[in-house]
Structure formats: C-alpha cells, structure tokens
Amino acid sequence: LGRPALVVSRTDREFAELANLRDEVLIDPETFACRGKRGVYLVGGKID
C-alpha cells in the first residue's frame, strides 16, 4: 500500500540457496505492528 515498513526475515542460507526465495515479514517502523508479508526471489535464481 506504499507505507514504510521494516523487513524481518530468516537467515536460512541453505533454504534460500535451495529455493532462491526469501519470505519477509513487514513491520511498521513506529509501532512494530505487522504490515504484511512478501516473497522475494533472490539473485542467482531464474524466473521462466
């Protein structure tokens, strides 16, 4: 929605290398309430 958010993610390199995907939780930088989540495809993978 265009709101500022801090990103919290797991640093599981084995999973990231296997799936080339990182799951991120988005947190309000002022209240620390959950704003949502997103999936990020990482450098080194392929899409189509």
All heavy atoms as atom14 arrays in JSON, in Angstrom:
{
  "sequence": "LGRPALVVSRTDREFAELANLRDEVLIDPETFACRGKRGVYLVGGKID",
  "atom14_mask": [
    [1, 1, 1, 1, 1, 1, 1, 1, 0, 0, 0, 0, 0, 0],
    [1, 1, 1, 1, 0, 0, 0, 0, 0, 0, 0, 0, 0, 0],
    [1, 1, 1, 1, 1, 1, 1, 1, 1, 1, 1, 0, 0, 0],
    [1, 1, 1, 1, 1, 1, 1, 0, 0, 0, 0, 0, 0, 0],
    [1, 1, 1, 1, 1, 0, 0, 0, 0, 0, 0, 0, 0, 0],
    [1, 1, 1, 1, 1, 1, 1, 1, 0, 0, 0, 0, 0, 0],
    [1, 1, 1, 1, 1, 1, 1, 0, 0, 0, 0, 0, 0, 0],
    [1, 1, 1, 1, 1, 1, 1, 0, 0, 0, 0, 0, 0, 0],
    [1, 1, 1, 1, 1, 1, 0, 0, 0, 0, 0, 0, 0, 0],
    [1, 1, 1, 1, 1, 1, 1, 1, 1, 1, 1, 0, 0, 0],
    [1, 1, 1, 1, 1, 1, 1, 0, 0, 0, 0, 0, 0, 0],
    [1, 1, 1, 1, 1, 1, 1, 1, 0, 0, 0, 0, 0, 0],
    [1, 1, 1, 1, 1, 1, 1, 1, 1, 1, 1, 0, 0, 0],
    [1, 1, 1, 1, 1, 1, 1, 1, 1, 0, 0, 0, 0, 0],
    [1, 1, 1, 1, 1, 1, 1, 1, 1, 1, 1, 0, 0, 0],
    [1, 1, 1, 1, 1, 0, 0, 0, 0, 0, 0, 0, 0, 0],
    [1, 1, 1, 1, 1, 1, 1, 1, 1, 0, 0, 0, 0, 0],
    [1, 1, 1, 1, 1, 1, 1, 1, 0, 0, 0, 0, 0, 0],
    [1, 1, 1, 1, 1, 0, 0, 0, 0, 0, 0, 0, 0, 0],
    [1, 1, 1, 1, 1, 1, 1, 1, 0, 0, 0, 0, 0, 0],
    [1, 1, 1, 1, 1, 1, 1, 1, 0, 0, 0, 0, 0, 0],
    [1, 1, 1, 1, 1, 1, 1, 1, 1, 1, 1, 0, 0, 0],
    [1, 1, 1, 1, 1, 1, 1, 1, 0, 0, 0, 0, 0, 0],
    [1, 1, 1, 1, 1, 1, 1, 1, 1, 0, 0, 0, 0, 0],
    [1, 1, 1, 1, 1, 1, 1, 0, 0, 0, 0, 0, 0, 0],
    [1, 1, 1, 1, 1, 1, 1, 1, 0, 0, 0, 0, 0, 0],
    [1, 1, 1, 1, 1, 1, 1, 1, 0, 0, 0, 0, 0, 0],
    [1, 1, 1, 1, 1, 1, 1, 1, 0, 0, 0, 0, 0, 0],
    [1, 1, 1, 1, 1, 1, 1, 0, 0, 0, 0, 0, 0, 0],
    [1, 1, 1, 1, 1, 1, 1, 1, 1, 0, 0, 0, 0, 0],
    [1, 1, 1, 1, 1, 1, 1, 0, 0, 0, 0, 0, 0, 0],
    [1, 1, 1, 1, 1, 1, 1, 1, 1, 1, 1, 0, 0, 0],
    [1, 1, 1, 1, 1, 0, 0, 0, 0, 0, 0, 0, 0, 0],
    [1, 1, 1, 1, 1, 1, 0, 0, 0, 0, 0, 0, 0, 0],
    [1, 1, 1, 1, 1, 1, 1, 1, 1, 1, 1, 0, 0, 0],
    [1, 1, 1, 1, 0, 0, 0, 0, 0, 0, 0, 0, 0, 0],
    [1, 1, 1, 1, 1, 1, 1, 1, 1, 0, 0, 0, 0, 0],
    [1, 1, 1, 1, 1, 1, 1, 1, 1, 1, 1, 0, 0, 0],
    [1, 1, 1, 1, 0, 0, 0, 0, 0, 0, 0, 0, 0, 0],
    [1, 1, 1, 1, 1, 1, 1, 0, 0, 0, 0, 0, 0, 0],
    [1, 1, 1, 1, 1, 1, 1, 1, 1, 1, 1, 1, 0, 0],
    [1, 1, 1, 1, 1, 1, 1, 1, 0, 0, 0, 0, 0, 0],
    [1, 1, 1, 1, 1, 1, 1, 0, 0, 0, 0, 0, 0, 0],
    [1, 1, 1, 1, 0, 0, 0, 0, 0, 0, 0, 0, 0, 0],
    [1, 1, 1, 1, 0, 0, 0, 0, 0, 0, 0, 0, 0, 0],
    [1, 1, 1, 1, 1, 1, 1, 1, 1, 0, 0, 0, 0, 0],
    [1, 1, 1, 1, 1, 1, 1, 1, 0, 0, 0, 0, 0, 0],
    [1, 1, 1, 1, 1, 1, 1, 1, 0, 0, 0, 0, 0, 0]
  ],
  "atom14_positions": [
    [[0.81, -1.22, 0.0], [0.0, 0.0, 0.0], [0.84, 1.27, 0.0], [0.32, 2.37, 0.12], [-0.94, 0.0, 1.21], [-1.92, -1.18, 1.27], [-2.73, -1.12, 2.54], [-2.8, -1.21, 0.05], [0.0, 0.0, 0.0], [0.0, 0.0, 0.0], [0.0, 0.0, 0.0], [0.0, 0.0, 0.0], [0.0, 0.0, 0.0], [0.0, 0.0, 0.0]],
    [[2.18, 1.12, -0.11], [3.06, 2.28, -0.15], [3.48, 2.81, 1.21], [4.1, 3.86, 1.31], [0.0, 0.0, 0.0], [0.0, 0.0, 0.0], [0.0, 0.0, 0.0], [0.0, 0.0, 0.0], [0.0, 0.0, 0.0], [0.0, 0.0, 0.0], [0.0, 0.0, 0.0], [0.0, 0.0, 0.0], [0.0, 0.0, 0.0], [0.0, 0.0, 0.0]],
    [[3.14, 2.1, 2.28], [3.51, 2.53, 3.62], [4.94, 2.07, 3.94], [5.36, 1.01, 3.48], [2.55, 1.93, 4.65], [1.1, 2.23, 4.4], [0.19, 1.44, 5.31], [0.33, 0.01, 5.07], [-0.42, -0.93, 5.63], [-1.36, -0.58, 6.5], [-0.24, -2.2, 5.36], [0.0, 0.0, 0.0], [0.0, 0.0, 0.0], [0.0, 0.0, 0.0]],
    [[5.68, 2.85, 4.74], [7.02, 2.4, 5.12], [6.95, 1.17, 6.02], [6.04, 1.05, 6.84], [7.61, 3.6, 5.85], [6.44, 4.4, 6.31], [5.34, 4.14, 5.33], [0.0, 0.0, 0.0], [0.0, 0.0, 0.0], [0.0, 0.0, 0.0], [0.0, 0.0, 0.0], [0.0, 0.0, 0.0], [0.0, 0.0, 0.0], [0.0, 0.0, 0.0]],
    [[7.91, 0.27, 5.84], [7.93, -0.95, 6.65], [9.36, -1.46, 6.78], [10.16, -1.34, 5.86], [7.05, -2.01, 6.01], [0.0, 0.0, 0.0], [0.0, 0.0, 0.0], [0.0, 0.0, 0.0], [0.0, 0.0, 0.0], [0.0, 0.0, 0.0], [0.0, 0.0, 0.0], [0.0, 0.0, 0.0], [0.0, 0.0, 0.0], [0.0, 0.0, 0.0]],
    [[9.66, -2.0, 7.96], [10.93, -2.69, 8.16], [10.75, -4.14, 7.74], [9.65, -4.69, 7.84], [11.34, -2.63, 9.63], [11.58, -1.23, 10.2], [11.87, -1.33, 11.69], [12.73, -0.56, 9.47], [0.0, 0.0, 0.0], [0.0, 0.0, 0.0], [0.0, 0.0, 0.0], [0.0, 0.0, 0.0], [0.0, 0.0, 0.0], [0.0, 0.0, 0.0]],
    [[11.82, -4.76, 7.27], [11.76, -6.15, 6.81], [12.41, -7.05, 7.84], [13.54, -6.82, 8.27], [12.48, -6.31, 5.46], [12.52, -7.77, 5.04], [11.83, -5.46, 4.4], [0.0, 0.0, 0.0], [0.0, 0.0, 0.0], [0.0, 0.0, 0.0], [0.0, 0.0, 0.0], [0.0, 0.0, 0.0], [0.0, 0.0, 0.0], [0.0, 0.0, 0.0]],
    [[11.68, -8.09, 8.25], [12.22, -9.12, 9.13], [12.19, -10.42, 8.33], [11.16, -10.79, 7.77], [11.38, -9.27, 10.41], [11.93, -10.38, 11.29], [11.32, -7.96, 11.17], [0.0, 0.0, 0.0], [0.0, 0.0, 0.0], [0.0, 0.0, 0.0], [0.0, 0.0, 0.0], [0.0, 0.0, 0.0], [0.0, 0.0, 0.0], [0.0, 0.0, 0.0]],
    [[13.35, -11.1, 8.27], [13.39, -12.36, 7.53], [14.33, -13.34, 8.21], [15.19, -12.95, 9.0], [13.84, -12.12, 6.08], [15.13, -11.57, 6.05], [0.0, 0.0, 0.0], [0.0, 0.0, 0.0], [0.0, 0.0, 0.0], [0.0, 0.0, 0.0], [0.0, 0.0, 0.0], [0.0, 0.0, 0.0], [0.0, 0.0, 0.0], [0.0, 0.0, 0.0]],
    [[14.13, -14.61, 7.88], [15.02, -15.66, 8.38], [16.3, -15.66, 7.58], [16.27, -15.46, 6.37], [14.35, -17.03, 8.19], [13.7, -17.54, 9.37], [13.15, -18.92, 9.2], [13.58, -19.63, 7.99], [13.08, -20.77, 7.61], [12.13, -21.32, 8.31], [13.5, -21.38, 6.53], [0.0, 0.0, 0.0], [0.0, 0.0, 0.0], [0.0, 0.0, 0.0]],
    [[17.38, -15.92, 8.22], [18.65, -16.03, 7.5], [19.04, -17.51, 7.4], [20.0, -17.95, 7.98], [19.76, -15.22, 8.21], [19.81, -15.63, 9.58], [19.53, -13.75, 8.12], [0.0, 0.0, 0.0], [0.0, 0.0, 0.0], [0.0, 0.0, 0.0], [0.0, 0.0, 0.0], [0.0, 0.0, 0.0], [0.0, 0.0, 0.0], [0.0, 0.0, 0.0]],
    [[18.23, -18.25, 6.67], [18.46, -19.67, 6.44], [19.07, -19.82, 5.06], [18.38, -19.94, 4.06], [17.14, -20.43, 6.55], [17.31, -21.93, 6.41], [18.39, -22.38, 5.98], [16.35, -22.65, 6.73], [0.0, 0.0, 0.0], [0.0, 0.0, 0.0], [0.0, 0.0, 0.0], [0.0, 0.0, 0.0], [0.0, 0.0, 0.0], [0.0, 0.0, 0.0]],
    [[20.39, -19.77, 5.0], [21.08, -19.79, 3.7], [20.82, -21.07, 2.92], [20.7, -21.04, 1.7], [22.57, -19.58, 3.9], [22.86, -18.18, 4.37], [24.32, -17.92, 4.47], [24.47, -16.61, 5.07], [25.59, -15.99, 5.18], [26.68, -16.55, 4.73], [25.65, -14.81, 5.73], [0.0, 0.0, 0.0], [0.0, 0.0, 0.0], [0.0, 0.0, 0.0]],
    [[20.73, -22.19, 3.62], [20.5, -23.46, 2.93], [19.16, -23.43, 2.2], [19.06, -23.79, 1.03], [20.54, -24.62, 3.91], [20.45, -25.97, 3.25], [20.6, -27.11, 4.25], [21.41, -26.98, 5.19], [19.9, -28.12, 4.07], [0.0, 0.0, 0.0], [0.0, 0.0, 0.0], [0.0, 0.0, 0.0], [0.0, 0.0, 0.0], [0.0, 0.0, 0.0]],
    [[18.11, -22.95, 2.87], [16.79, -22.84, 2.23], [16.83, -21.82, 1.11], [16.3, -22.06, 0.03], [15.72, -22.45, 3.25], [14.38, -22.19, 2.62], [13.58, -23.25, 2.21], [13.93, -20.9, 2.42], [12.35, -23.02, 1.61], [12.71, -20.66, 1.81], [11.92, -21.72, 1.41], [0.0, 0.0, 0.0], [0.0, 0.0, 0.0], [0.0, 0.0, 0.0]],
    [[17.44, -20.67, 1.35], [17.5, -19.62, 0.33], [18.22, -20.12, -0.92], [17.8, -19.85, -2.04], [18.19, -18.37, 0.89], [0.0, 0.0, 0.0], [0.0, 0.0, 0.0], [0.0, 0.0, 0.0], [0.0, 0.0, 0.0], [0.0, 0.0, 0.0], [0.0, 0.0, 0.0], [0.0, 0.0, 0.0], [0.0, 0.0, 0.0], [0.0, 0.0, 0.0]],
    [[19.32, -20.86, -0.75], [20.05, -21.37, -1.9], [19.24, -22.44, -2.63], [19.26, -22.52, -3.85], [21.4, -21.94, -1.46], [22.38, -20.87, -1.05], [23.67, -21.43, -0.47], [23.86, -22.67, -0.5], [24.48, -20.63, 0.02], [0.0, 0.0, 0.0], [0.0, 0.0, 0.0], [0.0, 0.0, 0.0], [0.0, 0.0, 0.0], [0.0, 0.0, 0.0]],
    [[18.53, -23.27, -1.89], [17.73, -24.33, -2.49], [16.54, -23.76, -3.25], [16.27, -24.13, -4.4], [17.25, -25.3, -1.41], [16.39, -26.46, -1.86], [17.2, -27.4, -2.76], [15.85, -27.22, -0.66], [0.0, 0.0, 0.0], [0.0, 0.0, 0.0], [0.0, 0.0, 0.0], [0.0, 0.0, 0.0], [0.0, 0.0, 0.0], [0.0, 0.0, 0.0]],
    [[15.8, -22.84, -2.65], [14.57, -22.31, -3.24], [14.77, -20.98, -3.97], [13.91, -20.58, -4.74], [13.52, -22.12, -2.14], [0.0, 0.0, 0.0], [0.0, 0.0, 0.0], [0.0, 0.0, 0.0], [0.0, 0.0, 0.0], [0.0, 0.0, 0.0], [0.0, 0.0, 0.0], [0.0, 0.0, 0.0], [0.0, 0.0, 0.0], [0.0, 0.0, 0.0]],
    [[15.89, -20.3, -3.71], [16.11, -18.95, -4.25], [14.97, -18.01, -3.88], [14.6, -17.14, -4.65], [16.32, -18.97, -5.76], [17.75, -19.2, -6.13], [18.64, -19.06, -5.3], [17.99, -19.56, -7.36], [0.0, 0.0, 0.0], [0.0, 0.0, 0.0], [0.0, 0.0, 0.0], [0.0, 0.0, 0.0], [0.0, 0.0, 0.0], [0.0, 0.0, 0.0]],
    [[14.38, -18.23, -2.72], [13.25, -17.44, -2.27], [13.41, -17.11, -0.8], [13.83, -17.94, -0.01], [11.95, -18.23, -2.48], [10.65, -17.53, -2.16], [10.41, -16.39, -3.14], [9.49, -18.51, -2.22], [0.0, 0.0, 0.0], [0.0, 0.0, 0.0], [0.0, 0.0, 0.0], [0.0, 0.0, 0.0], [0.0, 0.0, 0.0], [0.0, 0.0, 0.0]],
    [[13.08, -15.87, -0.44], [13.12, -15.46, 0.96], [11.74, -14.92, 1.33], [11.18, -14.08, 0.62], [14.19, -14.37, 1.16], [14.28, -13.88, 2.59], [15.4, -12.86, 2.8], [15.23, -11.7, 1.96], [16.16, -11.23, 1.13], [17.33, -11.84, 1.01], [15.93, -10.15, 0.4], [0.0, 0.0, 0.0], [0.0, 0.0, 0.0], [0.0, 0.0, 0.0]],
    [[11.19, -15.43, 2.42], [9.93, -14.92, 2.95], [10.24, -13.8, 3.92], [11.09, -13.95, 4.8], [9.15, -16.02, 3.67], [8.63, -17.08, 2.72], [8.23, -16.71, 1.6], [8.63, -18.25, 3.08], [0.0, 0.0, 0.0], [0.0, 0.0, 0.0], [0.0, 0.0, 0.0], [0.0, 0.0, 0.0], [0.0, 0.0, 0.0], [0.0, 0.0, 0.0]],
    [[9.55, -12.66, 3.76], [9.81, -11.49, 4.6], [8.51, -11.04, 5.28], [7.46, -11.04, 4.66], [10.36, -10.34, 3.76], [11.67, -10.66, 3.07], [12.19, -9.54, 2.21], [11.41, -8.65, 1.79], [13.39, -9.54, 1.96], [0.0, 0.0, 0.0], [0.0, 0.0, 0.0], [0.0, 0.0, 0.0], [0.0, 0.0, 0.0], [0.0, 0.0, 0.0]],
    [[8.62, -10.65, 6.54], [7.51, -10.06, 7.28], [7.77, -8.56, 7.32], [8.89, -8.12, 7.59], [7.42, -10.64, 8.71], [6.33, -9.94, 9.51], [7.18, -12.13, 8.66], [0.0, 0.0, 0.0], [0.0, 0.0, 0.0], [0.0, 0.0, 0.0], [0.0, 0.0, 0.0], [0.0, 0.0, 0.0], [0.0, 0.0, 0.0], [0.0, 0.0, 0.0]],
    [[6.74, -7.77, 7.04], [6.86, -6.31, 7.01], [6.27, -5.72, 8.29], [5.13, -6.02, 8.65], [6.16, -5.76, 5.77], [6.65, -6.36, 4.45], [5.83, -5.82, 3.29], [8.12, -6.1, 4.24], [0.0, 0.0, 0.0], [0.0, 0.0, 0.0], [0.0, 0.0, 0.0], [0.0, 0.0, 0.0], [0.0, 0.0, 0.0], [0.0, 0.0, 0.0]],
    [[7.05, -4.88, 8.96], [6.71, -4.33, 10.28], [6.66, -2.81, 10.22], [7.55, -2.18, 9.64], [7.78, -4.77, 11.32], [7.96, -6.28, 11.33], [7.47, -4.23, 12.7], [6.78, -7.05, 11.83], [0.0, 0.0, 0.0], [0.0, 0.0, 0.0], [0.0, 0.0, 0.0], [0.0, 0.0, 0.0], [0.0, 0.0, 0.0], [0.0, 0.0, 0.0]],
    [[5.66, -2.22, 10.85], [5.57, -0.76, 10.96], [6.78, -0.26, 11.75], [7.02, -0.71, 12.87], [4.27, -0.39, 11.68], [4.05, 1.11, 11.77], [4.95, 1.83, 12.24], [2.97, 1.56, 11.38], [0.0, 0.0, 0.0], [0.0, 0.0, 0.0], [0.0, 0.0, 0.0], [0.0, 0.0, 0.0], [0.0, 0.0, 0.0], [0.0, 0.0, 0.0]],
    [[7.56, 0.68, 11.2], [8.77, 1.14, 11.89], [8.51, 1.95, 13.16], [9.41, 2.11, 13.98], [9.49, 2.0, 10.84], [8.46, 2.38, 9.85], [7.4, 1.32, 9.9], [0.0, 0.0, 0.0], [0.0, 0.0, 0.0], [0.0, 0.0, 0.0], [0.0, 0.0, 0.0], [0.0, 0.0, 0.0], [0.0, 0.0, 0.0], [0.0, 0.0, 0.0]],
    [[7.29, 2.44, 13.36], [6.99, 3.22, 14.56], [6.31, 2.38, 15.65], [6.65, 2.48, 16.81], [6.13, 4.43, 14.2], [6.88, 5.44, 13.34], [6.03, 6.65, 13.02], [5.03, 6.89, 13.72], [6.37, 7.34, 12.04], [0.0, 0.0, 0.0], [0.0, 0.0, 0.0], [0.0, 0.0, 0.0], [0.0, 0.0, 0.0], [0.0, 0.0, 0.0]],
    [[5.33, 1.57, 15.26], [4.55, 0.82, 16.24], [4.98, -0.65, 16.34], [4.59, -1.34, 17.27], [3.06, 0.84, 15.89], [2.86, 0.12, 14.66], [2.53, 2.25, 15.76], [0.0, 0.0, 0.0], [0.0, 0.0, 0.0], [0.0, 0.0, 0.0], [0.0, 0.0, 0.0], [0.0, 0.0, 0.0], [0.0, 0.0, 0.0], [0.0, 0.0, 0.0]],
    [[5.73, -1.11, 15.36], [6.18, -2.51, 15.25], [5.02, -3.47, 15.05], [5.14, -4.66, 15.28], [7.06, -2.91, 16.44], [8.28, -2.05, 16.55], [8.36, -1.07, 17.53], [9.32, -2.18, 15.65], [9.47, -0.25, 17.63], [10.44, -1.36, 15.74], [10.51, -0.39, 16.73], [0.0, 0.0, 0.0], [0.0, 0.0, 0.0], [0.0, 0.0, 0.0]],
    [[3.88, -2.95, 14.58], [2.75, -3.8, 14.22], [3.02, -4.44, 12.86], [3.73, -3.87, 12.02], [1.47, -2.97, 14.15], [0.0, 0.0, 0.0], [0.0, 0.0, 0.0], [0.0, 0.0, 0.0], [0.0, 0.0, 0.0], [0.0, 0.0, 0.0], [0.0, 0.0, 0.0], [0.0, 0.0, 0.0], [0.0, 0.0, 0.0], [0.0, 0.0, 0.0]],
    [[2.44, -5.59, 12.64], [2.62, -6.28, 11.36], [1.92, -5.49, 10.24], [0.77, -5.1, 10.39], [2.06, -7.68, 11.44], [2.27, -8.61, 9.92], [0.0, 0.0, 0.0], [0.0, 0.0, 0.0], [0.0, 0.0, 0.0], [0.0, 0.0, 0.0], [0.0, 0.0, 0.0], [0.0, 0.0, 0.0], [0.0, 0.0, 0.0], [0.0, 0.0, 0.0]],
    [[2.63, -5.25, 9.14], [2.06, -4.56, 7.98], [1.73, -5.53, 6.86], [1.0, -5.2, 5.95], [3.06, -3.52, 7.45], [3.18, -2.28, 8.3], [2.38, -1.18, 7.64], [2.13, -0.06, 8.49], [2.73, 1.11, 8.4], [3.68, 1.3, 7.52], [2.37, 2.08, 9.19], [0.0, 0.0, 0.0], [0.0, 0.0, 0.0], [0.0, 0.0, 0.0]],
    [[2.33, -6.72, 6.88], [2.08, -7.69, 5.81], [3.27, -8.6, 5.63], [4.13, -8.72, 6.51], [0.0, 0.0, 0.0], [0.0, 0.0, 0.0], [0.0, 0.0, 0.0], [0.0, 0.0, 0.0], [0.0, 0.0, 0.0], [0.0, 0.0, 0.0], [0.0, 0.0, 0.0], [0.0, 0.0, 0.0], [0.0, 0.0, 0.0], [0.0, 0.0, 0.0]],
    [[3.34, -9.22, 4.46], [4.48, -10.08, 4.15], [4.7, -10.1, 2.65], [3.82, -9.7, 1.87], [4.26, -11.5, 4.68], [3.1, -12.24, 4.09], [2.98, -13.61, 4.73], [1.85, -14.4, 4.08], [1.79, -15.76, 4.58], [0.0, 0.0, 0.0], [0.0, 0.0, 0.0], [0.0, 0.0, 0.0], [0.0, 0.0, 0.0], [0.0, 0.0, 0.0]],
    [[5.87, -10.56, 2.25], [6.17, -10.66, 0.84], [7.18, -11.77, 0.6], [7.9, -12.18, 1.51], [6.66, -9.34, 0.27], [7.99, -8.87, 0.8], [8.34, -7.5, 0.27], [9.72, -7.15, 0.6], [10.32, -6.06, 0.19], [9.67, -5.2, -0.56], [11.57, -5.81, 0.52], [0.0, 0.0, 0.0], [0.0, 0.0, 0.0], [0.0, 0.0, 0.0]],
    [[7.22, -12.25, -0.61], [8.21, -13.23, -1.03], [9.17, -12.57, -2.0], [8.74, -11.84, -2.9], [0.0, 0.0, 0.0], [0.0, 0.0, 0.0], [0.0, 0.0, 0.0], [0.0, 0.0, 0.0], [0.0, 0.0, 0.0], [0.0, 0.0, 0.0], [0.0, 0.0, 0.0], [0.0, 0.0, 0.0], [0.0, 0.0, 0.0], [0.0, 0.0, 0.0]],
    [[10.45, -12.8, -1.82], [11.47, -12.17, -2.66], [12.29, -13.26, -3.33], [12.85, -14.12, -2.66], [12.4, -11.24, -1.84], [13.47, -10.64, -2.71], [11.58, -10.16, -1.16], [0.0, 0.0, 0.0], [0.0, 0.0, 0.0], [0.0, 0.0, 0.0], [0.0, 0.0, 0.0], [0.0, 0.0, 0.0], [0.0, 0.0, 0.0], [0.0, 0.0, 0.0]],
    [[12.32, -13.23, -4.66], [13.16, -14.14, -5.42], [14.56, -13.56, -5.42], [14.74, -12.38, -5.7], [12.62, -14.31, -6.84], [12.9, -15.67, -7.39], [12.15, -16.77, -6.99], [13.92, -15.89, -8.3], [12.39, -18.03, -7.47], [14.19, -17.15, -8.78], [13.42, -18.22, -8.37], [13.69, -19.47, -8.84], [0.0, 0.0, 0.0], [0.0, 0.0, 0.0]],
    [[15.55, -14.39, -5.11], [16.91, -13.9, -4.87], [17.79, -13.95, -6.11], [17.58, -14.77, -7.01], [17.55, -14.72, -3.76], [16.76, -14.76, -2.45], [17.4, -15.73, -1.48], [16.64, -13.37, -1.86], [0.0, 0.0, 0.0], [0.0, 0.0, 0.0], [0.0, 0.0, 0.0], [0.0, 0.0, 0.0], [0.0, 0.0, 0.0], [0.0, 0.0, 0.0]],
    [[18.78, -13.09, -6.13], [19.78, -13.07, -7.2], [20.36, -14.48, -7.37], [20.62, -15.17, -6.39], [20.93, -12.09, -6.85], [22.08, -12.22, -7.82], [20.43, -10.66, -6.82], [0.0, 0.0, 0.0], [0.0, 0.0, 0.0], [0.0, 0.0, 0.0], [0.0, 0.0, 0.0], [0.0, 0.0, 0.0], [0.0, 0.0, 0.0], [0.0, 0.0, 0.0]],
    [[20.52, -14.87, -8.6], [21.11, -16.18, -8.88], [20.09, -17.21, -9.31], [20.44, -18.23, -9.89], [0.0, 0.0, 0.0], [0.0, 0.0, 0.0], [0.0, 0.0, 0.0], [0.0, 0.0, 0.0], [0.0, 0.0, 0.0], [0.0, 0.0, 0.0], [0.0, 0.0, 0.0], [0.0, 0.0, 0.0], [0.0, 0.0, 0.0], [0.0, 0.0, 0.0]],
    [[18.82, -16.96, -9.04], [17.78, -17.88, -9.49], [17.32, -17.53, -10.89], [17.88, -16.63, -11.54], [0.0, 0.0, 0.0], [0.0, 0.0, 0.0], [0.0, 0.0, 0.0], [0.0, 0.0, 0.0], [0.0, 0.0, 0.0], [0.0, 0.0, 0.0], [0.0, 0.0, 0.0], [0.0, 0.0, 0.0], [0.0, 0.0, 0.0], [0.0, 0.0, 0.0]],
    [[16.33, -18.23, -11.36], [15.77, -17.96, -12.69], [14.26, -17.89, -12.59], [13.64, -18.66, -11.86], [16.16, -19.05, -13.68], [17.62, -19.07, -14.03], [17.92, -20.12, -15.07], [19.4, -20.09, -15.42], [19.71, -21.08, -16.47], [0.0, 0.0, 0.0], [0.0, 0.0, 0.0], [0.0, 0.0, 0.0], [0.0, 0.0, 0.0], [0.0, 0.0, 0.0]],
    [[13.66, -16.96, -13.34], [12.22, -16.86, -13.47], [11.91, -17.08, -14.95], [12.39, -16.32, -15.8], [11.68, -15.5, -12.98], [11.97, -15.31, -11.49], [10.18, -15.38, -13.27], [11.54, -13.97, -10.95], [0.0, 0.0, 0.0], [0.0, 0.0, 0.0], [0.0, 0.0, 0.0], [0.0, 0.0, 0.0], [0.0, 0.0, 0.0], [0.0, 0.0, 0.0]],
    [[11.15, -18.13, -15.24], [10.85, -18.5, -16.63], [12.12, -18.63, -17.46], [12.18, -18.19, -18.61], [9.89, -17.5, -17.27], [8.51, -17.51, -16.62], [8.11, -18.57, -16.11], [7.85, -16.46, -16.62], [0.0, 0.0, 0.0], [0.0, 0.0, 0.0], [0.0, 0.0, 0.0], [0.0, 0.0, 0.0], [0.0, 0.0, 0.0], [0.0, 0.0, 0.0]]
  ]
}
